Amino acid sequence: MDVAEHLPQGIRETQLVHAIANGSGESVATLEFITAVSVPFPNIVFTAEGWEKVRDKAEKYDWAKEGFDDYVRKADKWKAPKAADFSDVEGRPLGKSVFHTSAYGALDCGIAYQLTGNEEYVTKCLELLRQLADPKSGYPATLVGGSNSFVGEGKFWQSVARMYDLIRTSPQVTEEDKK
């Protein structure tokens, strides 16, 4: 289906198609189609244009340069945690946390990537994401990402979602990663 060019990014439209077999009203079937206009990445924290403004401010203003350097320093220091080892768990490790982290360090790496373009930060982020996506020992198996509390789990997923949005355009992110 062609999407009209005048529609803004991020919009969704719903279309209903009513199919009537042989013109008989009793056999009507309804199909619902949702058309969405994609939004380029990144888009959660800032758009690409927004990140350009942040980088420009870091060049012009000392306070912004300090923040820039702080994110880079934190990202340089952060190492992706190792996922929990469930090899001694019999069956599916349902309800066990893959990590015990808020993932703020991963978010710092995503931000540092947007600020610097340094692919080393993406490598760190992907290490966490790929462990998290592992069907046998990651989130698909446990249904718990970074915390055994609802609030902690929410903070974890907020950081992971923002981080992924920030690194998604990196050439290191494969089609398999995007699944």
Foldseek 3Di string as FASTA:
>chain_A
DDDDPPDDAFDKDKDKDWDDPPPDPVPIDIDIDIDHHHDDFPPDPHHLVVLVVLLVCLVVDVVSVVVLVVLVVLLVPDAQDQFDDCVVPPDFQALDERAADLLVSLLSLLSNCSNPVDCVSVVRLVVLLVSQPDCRRHCVRHVHYHDNDPVSSVSSVVSNVNSCRSCVPPPVCDPVSVD
